[in-house]
Amino acid sequence: MKDINKIRQELIDAINNDPMVDLSDIGNTIGIVIGNHLTDKEMGFDEDDFLHGIKHGISLSNGTHF
């Protein structure tokens, strides 16, 4: 199984090195890094689970969580 810390570092590096203009750029960069690992059966990542986690986190921060 790949180490989640490797993915974390890939995200940090990509965000630090890619020019960002708006939130869609950040989302795109995150999508590319995570997308590279979604098909990795060893990691057990599932696209639906990842997207659910994003939506859940946003709902917790914007007050729409029930």
Protein backbone atom coordinates (compact mmCIF):
# COMPACT_ATOMS: atom_id res chain seq x y z
CA MET A 1 0.00 0.00 0.00
CA LYS A 2 1.28 3.43 -0.87
CA ASP A 3 1.87 5.80 1.97
CA ILE A 4 -0.74 8.56 2.29
CA ASN A 5 2.12 10.86 3.29
CA LYS A 6 3.52 10.52 -0.24
CA ILE A 7 0.24 11.79 -1.67
CA ARG A 8 0.16 14.59 0.90
CA GLN A 9 3.65 15.68 -0.18
CA GLU A 10 2.69 15.49 -3.86
CA LEU A 11 -0.24 17.81 -3.14
CA ILE A 12 1.96 20.26 -1.24
CA ASP A 13 4.58 20.28 -3.98
CA ALA A 14 2.03 20.69 -6.76
CA ILE A 15 0.22 23.55 -5.02
CA ASN A 16 3.50 25.28 -4.21
CA ASN A 17 4.85 24.94 -7.76
CA ASP A 18 1.78 25.55 -9.94
CA PRO A 19 0.72 29.11 -10.72
CA MET A 20 -2.67 29.69 -9.14
CA VAL A 21 -5.11 32.35 -10.30
CA ASP A 22 -8.36 31.22 -8.69
CA LEU A 23 -10.03 28.34 -6.85
CA SER A 24 -10.57 26.39 -10.06
CA ASP A 25 -6.78 26.21 -10.48
CA ILE A 26 -6.39 24.79 -6.98
CA GLY A 27 -9.18 22.30 -7.65
CA ASN A 28 -7.59 21.26 -10.93
CA THR A 29 -4.20 20.70 -9.30
CA ILE A 30 -5.73 18.67 -6.48
CA GLY A 31 -7.76 16.69 -9.02
CA ILE A 32 -4.68 15.82 -11.05
CA VAL A 33 -2.68 14.65 -8.04
CA ILE A 34 -5.55 12.66 -6.50
CA GLY A 35 -6.67 11.38 -9.91
CA ASN A 36 -3.27 9.79 -10.39
CA HIS A 37 -4.02 7.61 -7.36
CA LEU A 38 -7.74 6.85 -7.82
CA THR A 39 -7.14 3.92 -10.13
CA ASP A 40 -4.58 2.44 -7.75
CA LYS A 41 -6.36 -0.60 -6.32
CA GLU A 42 -3.64 -1.05 -3.70
CA MET A 43 -4.43 2.35 -2.21
CA GLY A 44 -8.15 1.61 -2.12
CA PHE A 45 -9.12 5.09 -3.28
CA ASP A 46 -12.56 5.53 -4.76
CA GLU A 47 -13.58 8.66 -6.67
CA ASP A 48 -17.03 8.77 -5.08
CA ASP A 49 -15.55 8.56 -1.57
CA PHE A 50 -13.09 11.33 -2.35
CA LEU A 51 -15.77 13.63 -3.78
CA HIS A 52 -18.05 12.89 -0.83
CA GLY A 53 -15.23 13.87 1.51
CA ILE A 54 -14.73 17.17 -0.32
CA LYS A 55 -18.45 17.97 -0.21
CA HIS A 56 -18.61 17.01 3.47
CA GLY A 57 -15.68 19.25 4.36
CA ILE A 58 -17.18 22.19 2.49
CA SER A 59 -20.54 21.68 4.18
CA LEU A 60 -18.88 21.70 7.59
CA SER A 61 -17.16 24.99 6.85
CA ASN A 62 -20.02 26.84 5.14
CA GLY A 63 -22.80 25.96 7.59
CA THR A 64 -24.84 23.71 5.30
CA HIS A 65 -23.97 20.48 7.13
CA PHE A 66 -26.83 18.65 8.82
